[in-house]
Amino acid sequence: MVIELKKFGTTLISRQTGKEAFLACQSLLQDIKKTEMIELDFKDVLSFSPSWGDEFLTPLLKKFKENLILRKTNNPSVLATLEILETTLNKKFEIAK
């Protein structure tokens, strides 16, 4: 399953909207098989803050672990946030090749 983050907006910056986005995804995620991969696509996202990412990515990572993959991006905002989250969580995100 691919989740396009642009569906939640192109400026993903607040903790509250990150939490709302995660909750909105729950109906999609409830039928995911344990072996199914979840791929996050950052295409067209302009700004991605650590607070939004923490509310959205952290619970996904805890629930789906190695089945969560991030599509490669060159967006400096996304890359900086991912680096902060990896440091905070002491966990590396899997990046699609």
PDB file of N, CA and C in Angstrom:
ATOM      1  N   MET A   1       0.834  -1.168   0.000  1.00  0.00           N
ATOM      2  CA  MET A   1       0.000   0.000   0.000  1.00  0.00           C
ATOM      3  C   MET A   1       0.887   1.243   0.000  1.00  0.00           C
ATOM      4  N   VAL A   2       0.526   2.214  -0.818  1.00  0.00           N
ATOM      5  CA  VAL A   2       1.246   3.480  -0.875  1.00  0.00           C
ATOM      6  C   VAL A   2       0.368   4.557  -0.251  1.00  0.00           C
ATOM      7  N   ILE A   3       0.949   5.314   0.658  1.00  0.00           N
ATOM      8  CA  ILE A   3       0.266   6.458   1.252  1.00  0.00           C
ATOM      9  C   ILE A   3       0.956   7.709   0.739  1.00  0.00           C
ATOM     10  N   GLU A   4       0.220   8.501  -0.027  1.00  0.00           N
ATOM     11  CA  GLU A   4       0.751   9.761  -0.545  1.00  0.00           C
ATOM     12  C   GLU A   4       0.472  10.839   0.490  1.00  0.00           C
ATOM     13  N   LEU A   5       1.533  11.369   1.077  1.00  0.00           N
ATOM     14  CA  LEU A   5       1.359  12.338   2.150  1.00  0.00           C
ATOM     15  C   LEU A   5       0.767  13.649   1.658  1.00  0.00           C
ATOM     16  N   LYS A   6       0.867  13.934   0.368  1.00  0.00           N
ATOM     17  CA  LYS A   6       0.291  15.171  -0.160  1.00  0.00           C
ATOM     18  C   LYS A   6      -1.233  15.199   0.011  1.00  0.00           C
ATOM     19  N   LYS A   7      -1.837  14.050   0.228  1.00  0.00           N
ATOM     20  CA  LYS A   7      -3.280  14.009   0.477  1.00  0.00           C
ATOM     21  C   LYS A   7      -3.641  14.730   1.775  1.00  0.00           C
ATOM     22  N   PHE A   8      -2.659  14.890   2.653  1.00  0.00           N
ATOM     23  CA  PHE A   8      -2.873  15.589   3.913  1.00  0.00           C
ATOM     24  C   PHE A   8      -2.451  17.048   3.826  1.00  0.00           C
ATOM     25  N   GLY A   9      -1.974  17.456   2.661  1.00  0.00           N
ATOM     26  CA  GLY A   9      -1.519  18.824   2.440  1.00  0.00           C
ATOM     27  C   GLY A   9      -0.070  18.833   2.009  1.00  0.00           C
ATOM     28  N   THR A  10       0.384  19.980   1.574  1.00  0.00           N
ATOM     29  CA  THR A  10       1.775  20.091   1.141  1.00  0.00           C
ATOM     30  C   THR A  10       2.651  20.711   2.228  1.00  0.00           C
ATOM     31  N   THR A  11       2.019  21.299   3.239  1.00  0.00           N
ATOM     32  CA  THR A  11       2.745  21.880   4.365  1.00  0.00           C
ATOM     33  C   THR A  11       2.317  21.128   5.619  1.00  0.00           C
ATOM     34  N   LEU A  12       3.119  20.154   5.994  1.00  0.00           N
ATOM     35  CA  LEU A  12       2.802  19.254   7.109  1.00  0.00           C
ATOM     36  C   LEU A  12       3.614  19.709   8.313  1.00  0.00           C
ATOM     37  N   ILE A  13       2.997  20.549   9.154  1.00  0.00           N
ATOM     38  CA  ILE A  13       3.825  21.218  10.153  1.00  0.00           C
ATOM     39  C   ILE A  13       3.367  21.141  11.606  1.00  0.00           C
ATOM     40  N   SER A  14       2.149  20.807  11.905  1.00  0.00           N
ATOM     41  CA  SER A  14       1.763  20.862  13.318  1.00  0.00           C
ATOM     42  C   SER A  14       1.519  19.470  13.897  1.00  0.00           C
ATOM     43  N   ARG A  15       1.737  19.373  15.174  1.00  0.00           N
ATOM     44  CA  ARG A  15       1.514  18.120  15.888  1.00  0.00           C
ATOM     45  C   ARG A  15       0.046  17.689  15.774  1.00  0.00           C
ATOM     46  N   GLN A  16      -0.863  18.649  15.897  1.00  0.00           N
ATOM     47  CA  GLN A  16      -2.288  18.349  15.842  1.00  0.00           C
ATOM     48  C   GLN A  16      -2.687  17.789  14.473  1.00  0.00           C
ATOM     49  N   THR A  17      -2.221  18.396  13.388  1.00  0.00           N
ATOM     50  CA  THR A  17      -2.607  17.895  12.063  1.00  0.00           C
ATOM     51  C   THR A  17      -1.932  16.561  11.754  1.00  0.00           C
ATOM     52  N   GLY A  18      -0.746  16.329  12.311  1.00  0.00           N
ATOM     53  CA  GLY A  18      -0.097  15.031  12.159  1.00  0.00           C
ATOM     54  C   GLY A  18      -0.892  13.928  12.840  1.00  0.00           C
ATOM     55  N   LYS A  19      -1.392  14.240  14.027  1.00  0.00           N
ATOM     56  CA  LYS A  19      -2.210  13.275  14.765  1.00  0.00           C
ATOM     57  C   LYS A  19      -3.517  13.012  14.019  1.00  0.00           C
ATOM     58  N   GLU A  20      -4.128  14.081  13.479  1.00  0.00           N
ATOM     59  CA  GLU A  20      -5.366  13.927  12.719  1.00  0.00           C
ATOM     60  C   GLU A  20      -5.146  13.092  11.463  1.00  0.00           C
ATOM     61  N   ALA A  21      -4.017  13.301  10.792  1.00  0.00           N
ATOM     62  CA  ALA A  21      -3.701  12.529   9.594  1.00  0.00           C
ATOM     63  C   ALA A  21      -3.526  11.050   9.935  1.00  0.00           C
ATOM     64  N   PHE A  22      -2.841  10.767  11.034  1.00  0.00           N
ATOM     65  CA  PHE A  22      -2.666   9.378  11.453  1.00  0.00           C
ATOM     66  C   PHE A  22      -4.019   8.726  11.744  1.00  0.00           C
ATOM     67  N   LEU A  23      -4.863   9.433  12.455  1.00  0.00           N
ATOM     68  CA  LEU A  23      -6.190   8.895  12.769  1.00  0.00           C
ATOM     69  C   LEU A  23      -7.024   8.689  11.506  1.00  0.00           C
ATOM     70  N   ALA A  24      -6.886   9.585  10.544  1.00  0.00           N
ATOM     71  CA  ALA A  24      -7.621   9.455   9.285  1.00  0.00           C
ATOM     72  C   ALA A  24      -7.186   8.216   8.507  1.00  0.00           C
ATOM     73  N   CYS A  25      -5.951   7.789   8.670  1.00  0.00           N
ATOM     74  CA  CYS A  25      -5.426   6.610   7.972  1.00  0.00           C
ATOM     75  C   CYS A  25      -5.854   5.290   8.591  1.00  0.00           C
ATOM     76  N   GLN A  26      -6.362   5.336   9.784  1.00  0.00           N
ATOM     77  CA  GLN A  26      -6.662   4.095  10.493  1.00  0.00           C
ATOM     78  C   GLN A  26      -7.622   3.178   9.747  1.00  0.00           C
ATOM     79  N   SER A  27      -8.594   3.756   9.060  1.00  0.00           N
ATOM     80  CA  SER A  27      -9.537   2.907   8.321  1.00  0.00           C
ATOM     81  C   SER A  27      -8.834   2.176   7.178  1.00  0.00           C
ATOM     82  N   LEU A  28      -7.823   2.802   6.574  1.00  0.00           N
ATOM     83  CA  LEU A  28      -7.056   2.151   5.504  1.00  0.00           C
ATOM     84  C   LEU A  28      -6.141   1.063   6.053  1.00  0.00           C
ATOM     85  N   LEU A  29      -5.612   1.305   7.231  1.00  0.00           N
ATOM     86  CA  LEU A  29      -4.587   0.424   7.796  1.00  0.00           C
ATOM     87  C   LEU A  29      -5.144  -0.778   8.551  1.00  0.00           C
ATOM     88  N   GLN A  30      -6.417  -0.771   8.876  1.00  0.00           N
ATOM     89  CA  GLN A  30      -6.954  -1.855   9.695  1.00  0.00           C
ATOM     90  C   GLN A  30      -6.985  -3.192   8.960  1.00  0.00           C
ATOM     91  N   ASP A  31      -7.039  -3.182   7.633  1.00  0.00           N
ATOM     92  CA  ASP A  31      -7.100  -4.429   6.875  1.00  0.00           C
ATOM     93  C   ASP A  31      -5.751  -4.857   6.293  1.00  0.00           C
ATOM     94  N   ILE A  32      -4.685  -4.194   6.703  1.00  0.00           N
ATOM     95  CA  ILE A  32      -3.347  -4.512   6.201  1.00  0.00           C
ATOM     96  C   ILE A  32      -2.912  -5.867   6.748  1.00  0.00           C
ATOM     97  N   LYS A  33      -2.424  -6.707   5.840  1.00  0.00           N
ATOM     98  CA  LYS A  33      -1.884  -8.009   6.261  1.00  0.00           C
ATOM     99  C   LYS A  33      -0.506  -7.804   6.874  1.00  0.00           C
ATOM    100  N   LYS A  34      -0.103  -8.694   7.740  1.00  0.00           N
ATOM    101  CA  LYS A  34       1.181  -8.558   8.434  1.00  0.00           C
ATOM    102  C   LYS A  34       2.369  -8.557   7.485  1.00  0.00           C
ATOM    103  N   THR A  35       2.212  -9.152   6.314  1.00  0.00           N
ATOM    104  CA  THR A  35       3.314  -9.216   5.356  1.00  0.00           C
ATOM    105  C   THR A  35       3.277  -8.088   4.333  1.00  0.00           C
ATOM    106  N   GLU A  36       2.215  -7.295   4.345  1.00  0.00           N
ATOM    107  CA  GLU A  36       2.075  -6.218   3.357  1.00  0.00           C
ATOM    108  C   GLU A  36       2.961  -5.027   3.725  1.00  0.00           C
ATOM    109  N   MET A  37       3.583  -4.437   2.708  1.00  0.00           N
ATOM    110  CA  MET A  37       4.444  -3.284   2.904  1.00  0.00           C
ATOM    111  C   MET A  37       3.617  -2.006   2.833  1.00  0.00           C
ATOM    112  N   ILE A  38       4.003  -1.047   3.648  1.00  0.00           N
ATOM    113  CA  ILE A  38       3.402   0.286   3.617  1.00  0.00           C
ATOM    114  C   ILE A  38       4.498   1.238   3.172  1.00  0.00           C
ATOM    115  N   GLU A  39       4.230   1.919   2.084  1.00  0.00           N
ATOM    116  CA  GLU A  39       5.215   2.817   1.496  1.00  0.00           C
ATOM    117  C   GLU A  39       4.699   4.246   1.575  1.00  0.00           C
ATOM    118  N   LEU A  40       5.497   5.137   2.170  1.00  0.00           N
ATOM    119  CA  LEU A  40       5.120   6.536   2.277  1.00  0.00           C
ATOM    120  C   LEU A  40       5.794   7.337   1.169  1.00  0.00           C
ATOM    121  N   ASP A  41       4.994   8.136   0.478  1.00  0.00           N
ATOM    122  CA  ASP A  41       5.476   8.939  -0.641  1.00  0.00           C
ATOM    123  C   ASP A  41       5.422  10.417  -0.254  1.00  0.00           C
ATOM    124  N   PHE A  42       6.565  11.096  -0.298  1.00  0.00           N
ATOM    125  CA  PHE A  42       6.676  12.499   0.069  1.00  0.00           C
ATOM    126  C   PHE A  42       6.565  13.435  -1.133  1.00  0.00           C
ATOM    127  N   LYS A  43       6.241  12.902  -2.303  1.00  0.00           N
ATOM    128  CA  LYS A  43       6.158  13.716  -3.517  1.00  0.00           C
ATOM    129  C   LYS A  43       5.189  14.883  -3.302  1.00  0.00           C
ATOM    130  N   ASP A  44       5.593  16.062  -3.710  1.00  0.00           N
ATOM    131  CA  ASP A  44       4.816  17.308  -3.638  1.00  0.00           C
ATOM    132  C   ASP A  44       4.657  17.864  -2.227  1.00  0.00           C
ATOM    133  N   VAL A  45       5.278  17.260  -1.228  1.00  0.00           N
ATOM    134  CA  VAL A  45       5.276  17.834   0.118  1.00  0.00           C
ATOM    135  C   VAL A  45       6.341  18.926   0.136  1.00  0.00           C
ATOM    136  N   LEU A  46       5.941  20.130   0.535  1.00  0.00           N
ATOM    137  CA  LEU A  46       6.869  21.262   0.551  1.00  0.00           C
ATOM    138  C   LEU A  46       7.584  21.406   1.888  1.00  0.00           C
ATOM    139  N   SER A  47       6.844  21.216   2.959  1.00  0.00           N
ATOM    140  CA  SER A  47       7.396  21.389   4.295  1.00  0.00           C
ATOM    141  C   SER A  47       6.919  20.249   5.190  1.00  0.00           C
ATOM    142  N   PHE A  48       7.851  19.707   5.974  1.00  0.00           N
ATOM    143  CA  PHE A  48       7.567  18.528   6.796  1.00  0.00           C
ATOM    144  C   PHE A  48       8.276  18.710   8.135  1.00  0.00           C
ATOM    145  N   SER A  49       7.509  18.995   9.184  1.00  0.00           N
ATOM    146  CA  SER A  49       8.124  19.305  10.473  1.00  0.00           C
ATOM    147  C   SER A  49       8.286  18.056  11.342  1.00  0.00           C
ATOM    148  N   PRO A  50       9.239  18.122  12.283  1.00  0.00           N
ATOM    149  CA  PRO A  50       9.419  17.001  13.209  1.00  0.00           C
ATOM    150  C   PRO A  50       8.167  16.702  14.041  1.00  0.00           C
ATOM    151  N   SER A  51       7.410  17.727  14.402  1.00  0.00           N
ATOM    152  CA  SER A  51       6.220  17.471  15.219  1.00  0.00           C
ATOM    153  C   SER A  51       5.158  16.710  14.420  1.00  0.00           C
ATOM    154  N   TRP A  52       4.930  17.102  13.158  1.00  0.00           N
ATOM    155  CA  TRP A  52       3.972  16.380  12.312  1.00  0.00           C
ATOM    156  C   TRP A  52       4.479  14.955  12.086  1.00  0.00           C
ATOM    157  N   GLY A  53       5.747  14.837  11.745  1.00  0.00           N
ATOM    158  CA  GLY A  53       6.333  13.528  11.496  1.00  0.00           C
ATOM    159  C   GLY A  53       6.272  12.615  12.706  1.00  0.00           C
ATOM    160  N   ASP A  54       6.495  13.171  13.884  1.00  0.00           N
ATOM    161  CA  ASP A  54       6.439  12.366  15.101  1.00  0.00           C
ATOM    162  C   ASP A  54       5.039  11.814  15.330  1.00  0.00           C
ATOM    163  N   GLU A  55       4.032  12.620  15.112  1.00  0.00           N
ATOM    164  CA  GLU A  55       2.650  12.176  15.322  1.00  0.00           C
ATOM    165  C   GLU A  55       2.182  11.178  14.270  1.00  0.00           C
ATOM    166  N   PHE A  56       2.755  11.252  13.069  1.00  0.00           N
ATOM    167  CA  PHE A  56       2.314  10.373  11.985  1.00  0.00           C
ATOM    168  C   PHE A  56       3.240   9.169  11.804  1.00  0.00           C
ATOM    169  N   LEU A  57       4.525   9.417  11.701  1.00  0.00           N
ATOM    170  CA  LEU A  57       5.476   8.335  11.409  1.00  0.00           C
ATOM    171  C   LEU A  57       5.782   7.439  12.604  1.00  0.00           C
ATOM    172  N   THR A  58       5.911   8.020  13.782  1.00  0.00           N
ATOM    173  CA  THR A  58       6.283   7.220  14.949  1.00  0.00           C
ATOM    174  C   THR A  58       5.283   6.102  15.225  1.00  0.00           C
ATOM    175  N   PRO A  59       3.969   6.383  15.255  1.00  0.00           N
ATOM    176  CA  PRO A  59       3.041   5.265  15.484  1.00  0.00           C
ATOM    177  C   PRO A  59       3.037   4.245  14.341  1.00  0.00           C
ATOM    178  N   LEU A  60       3.248   4.721  13.104  1.00  0.00           N
ATOM    179  CA  LEU A  60       3.327   3.777  11.979  1.00  0.00           C
ATOM    180  C   LEU A  60       4.530   2.862  12.131  1.00  0.00           C
ATOM    181  N   LEU A  61       5.652   3.444  12.516  1.00  0.00           N
ATOM    182  CA  LEU A  61       6.871   2.658  12.707  1.00  0.00           C
ATOM    183  C   LEU A  61       6.700   1.650  13.835  1.00  0.00           C
ATOM    184  N   LYS A  62       6.069   2.065  14.919  1.00  0.00           N
ATOM    185  CA  LYS A  62       5.848   1.147  16.045  1.00  0.00           C
ATOM    186  C   LYS A  62       4.923   0.001  15.660  1.00  0.00           C
ATOM    187  N   LYS A  63       3.921   0.298  14.847  1.00  0.00           N
ATOM    188  CA  LYS A  63       2.946  -0.727  14.479  1.00  0.00           C
ATOM    189  C   LYS A  63       3.443  -1.651  13.366  1.00  0.00           C
ATOM    190  N   PHE A  64       4.083  -1.087  12.353  1.00  0.00           N
ATOM    191  CA  PHE A  64       4.433  -1.879  11.168  1.00  0.00           C
ATOM    192  C   PHE A  64       5.918  -2.219  11.053  1.00  0.00           C
ATOM    193  N   LYS A  65       6.730  -1.642  11.892  1.00  0.00           N
ATOM    194  CA  LYS A  65       8.163  -1.937  11.980  1.00  0.00           C
ATOM    195  C   LYS A  65       8.839  -1.994  10.613  1.00  0.00           C
ATOM    196  N   GLU A  66       9.419  -3.144  10.268  1.00  0.00           N
ATOM    197  CA  GLU A  66      10.175  -3.269   9.012  1.00  0.00           C
ATOM    198  C   GLU A  66       9.287  -3.270   7.768  1.00  0.00           C
ATOM    199  N   ASN A  67       7.986  -3.298   7.935  1.00  0.00           N
ATOM    200  CA  ASN A  67       7.076  -3.233   6.777  1.00  0.00           C
ATOM    201  C   ASN A  67       6.775  -1.801   6.369  1.00  0.00           C
ATOM    202  N   LEU A  68       7.345  -0.834   7.071  1.00  0.00           N
ATOM    203  CA  LEU A  68       7.181   0.575   6.711  1.00  0.00           C
ATOM    204  C   LEU A  68       8.400   1.019   5.917  1.00  0.00           C
ATOM    205  N   ILE A  69       8.156   1.501   4.706  1.00  0.00           N
ATOM    206  CA  ILE A  69       9.227   1.946   3.818  1.00  0.00           C
ATOM    207  C   ILE A  69       8.909   3.367   3.362  1.00  0.00           C
ATOM    208  N   LEU A  70       9.932   4.190   3.296  1.00  0.00           N
ATOM    209  CA  LEU A  70       9.768   5.553   2.817  1.00  0.00           C
ATOM    210  C   LEU A  70      10.326   5.657   1.405  1.00  0.00           C
ATOM    211  N   ARG A  71       9.576   6.282   0.523  1.00  0.00           N
ATOM    212  CA  ARG A  71      10.096   6.500  -0.825  1.00  0.00           C
ATOM    213  C   ARG A  71      11.202   7.552  -0.765  1.00  0.00           C
ATOM    214  N   LYS A  72      12.190   7.365  -1.597  1.00  0.00           N
ATOM    215  CA  LYS A  72      13.335   8.262  -1.633  1.00  0.00           C
ATOM    216  C   LYS A  72      12.881   9.667  -2.013  1.00  0.00           C
ATOM    217  N   THR A  73      13.457  10.653  -1.349  1.00  0.00           N
ATOM    218  CA  THR A  73      13.165  12.052  -1.631  1.00  0.00           C
ATOM    219  C   THR A  73      14.438  12.876  -1.501  1.00  0.00           C
ATOM    220  N   ASN A  74      14.453  13.989  -2.205  1.00  0.00           N
ATOM    221  CA  ASN A  74      15.568  14.930  -2.093  1.00  0.00           C
ATOM    222  C   ASN A  74      15.140  16.202  -1.378  1.00  0.00           C
ATOM    223  N   ASN A  75      13.929  16.217  -0.854  1.00  0.00           N
ATOM    224  CA  ASN A  75      13.383  17.391  -0.185  1.00  0.00           C
ATOM    225  C   ASN A  75      14.157  17.638   1.114  1.00  0.00           C
ATOM    226  N   PRO A  76      14.831  18.803   1.225  1.00  0.00           N
ATOM    227  CA  PRO A  76      15.633  19.076   2.422  1.00  0.00           C
ATOM    228  C   PRO A  76      14.815  19.095   3.713  1.00  0.00           C
ATOM    229  N   SER A  77      13.578  19.569   3.646  1.00  0.00           N
ATOM    230  CA  SER A  77      12.718  19.610   4.831  1.00  0.00           C
ATOM    231  C   SER A  77      12.405  18.196   5.313  1.00  0.00           C
ATOM    232  N   VAL A  78      12.085  17.320   4.392  1.00  0.00           N
ATOM    233  CA  VAL A  78      11.777  15.928   4.735  1.00  0.00           C
ATOM    234  C   VAL A  78      13.030  15.234   5.270  1.00  0.00           C
ATOM    235  N   LEU A  79      14.153  15.413   4.595  1.00  0.00           N
ATOM    236  CA  LEU A  79      15.390  14.759   5.021  1.00  0.00           C
ATOM    237  C   LEU A  79      15.826  15.208   6.413  1.00  0.00           C
ATOM    238  N   ALA A  80      15.713  16.508   6.692  1.00  0.00           N
ATOM    239  CA  ALA A  80      16.096  17.022   8.008  1.00  0.00           C
ATOM    240  C   ALA A  80      15.186  16.450   9.094  1.00  0.00           C
ATOM    241  N   THR A  81      13.898  16.408   8.820  1.00  0.00           N
ATOM    242  CA  THR A  81      12.946  15.863   9.796  1.00  0.00           C
ATOM    243  C   THR A  81      13.191  14.382  10.035  1.00  0.00           C
ATOM    244  N   LEU A  82      13.430  13.636   8.978  1.00  0.00           N
ATOM    245  CA  LEU A  82      13.698  12.201   9.149  1.00  0.00           C
ATOM    246  C   LEU A  82      14.950  11.977   9.987  1.00  0.00           C
ATOM    247  N   GLU A  83      15.952  12.794   9.779  1.00  0.00           N
ATOM    248  CA  GLU A  83      17.184  12.673  10.561  1.00  0.00           C
ATOM    249  C   GLU A  83      16.912  12.950  12.045  1.00  0.00           C
ATOM    250  N   ILE A  84      16.127  13.972  12.320  1.00  0.00           N
ATOM    251  CA  ILE A  84      15.772  14.295  13.702  1.00  0.00           C
ATOM    252  C   ILE A  84      14.992  13.142  14.334  1.00  0.00           C
ATOM    253  N   LEU A  85      14.015  12.619  13.612  1.00  0.00           N
ATOM    254  CA  LEU A  85      13.209  11.524  14.152  1.00  0.00           C
ATOM    255  C   LEU A  85      14.041  10.265  14.366  1.00  0.00           C
ATOM    256  N   GLU A  86      14.942   9.970  13.450  1.00  0.00           N
ATOM    257  CA  GLU A  86      15.797   8.790  13.617  1.00  0.00           C
ATOM    258  C   GLU A  86      16.666   8.923  14.867  1.00  0.00           C
ATOM    259  N   THR A  87      17.172  10.122  15.105  1.00  0.00           N
ATOM    260  CA  THR A  87      17.988  10.365  16.291  1.00  0.00           C
ATOM    261  C   THR A  87      17.148  10.239  17.557  1.00  0.00           C
ATOM    262  N   THR A  88      15.971  10.844  17.529  1.00  0.00           N
ATOM    263  CA  THR A  88      15.084  10.828  18.692  1.00  0.00           C
ATOM    264  C   THR A  88      14.604   9.419  19.017  1.00  0.00           C
ATOM    265  N   LEU A  89      14.237   8.683  17.977  1.00  0.00           N
ATOM    266  CA  LEU A  89      13.692   7.321  18.164  1.00  0.00           C
ATOM    267  C   LEU A  89      14.784   6.269  18.267  1.00  0.00           C
ATOM    268  N   ASN A  90      16.015   6.625  17.911  1.00  0.00           N
ATOM    269  CA  ASN A  90      17.123   5.688  17.852  1.00  0.00           C
ATOM    270  C   ASN A  90      16.773   4.518  16.933  1.00  0.00           C
ATOM    271  N   LYS A  91      16.192   4.865  15.789  1.00  0.00           N
ATOM    272  CA  LYS A  91      15.743   3.865  14.804  1.00  0.00           C
ATOM    273  C   LYS A  91      15.881   4.475  13.421  1.00  0.00           C
ATOM    274  N   LYS A  92      16.354   3.683  12.473  1.00  0.00           N
ATOM    275  CA  LYS A  92      16.490   4.146  11.093  1.00  0.00           C
ATOM    276  C   LYS A  92      15.246   3.770  10.317  1.00  0.00           C
ATOM    277  N   PHE A  93      14.791   4.704   9.473  1.00  0.00           N
ATOM    278  CA  PHE A  93      13.693   4.410   8.558  1.00  0.00           C
ATOM    279  C   PHE A  93      14.252   3.683   7.349  1.00  0.00           C
ATOM    280  N   GLU A  94      13.500   2.760   6.828  1.00  0.00           N
ATOM    281  CA  GLU A  94      13.871   2.028   5.620  1.00  0.00           C
ATOM    282  C   GLU A  94      13.497   2.909   4.433  1.00  0.00           C
ATOM    283  N   ILE A  95      14.463   3.155   3.556  1.00  0.00           N
ATOM    284  CA  ILE A  95      14.246   3.966   2.363  1.00  0.00           C
ATOM    285  C   ILE A  95      14.202   3.039   1.151  1.00  0.00           C
ATOM    286  N   ALA A  96      13.156   3.197   0.328  1.00  0.00           N
ATOM    287  CA  ALA A  96      13.025   2.372  -0.885  1.00  0.00           C
ATOM    288  C   ALA A  96      14.179   2.697  -1.824  1.00  0.00           C
ATOM    289  N   LYS A  97      14.636   1.691  -2.499  1.00  0.00           N
ATOM    290  CA  LYS A  97      15.759   1.877  -3.443  1.00  0.00           C
ATOM    291  C   LYS A  97      15.253   2.244  -4.811  1.00  0.00           C
TER     292      LYS A  97
END
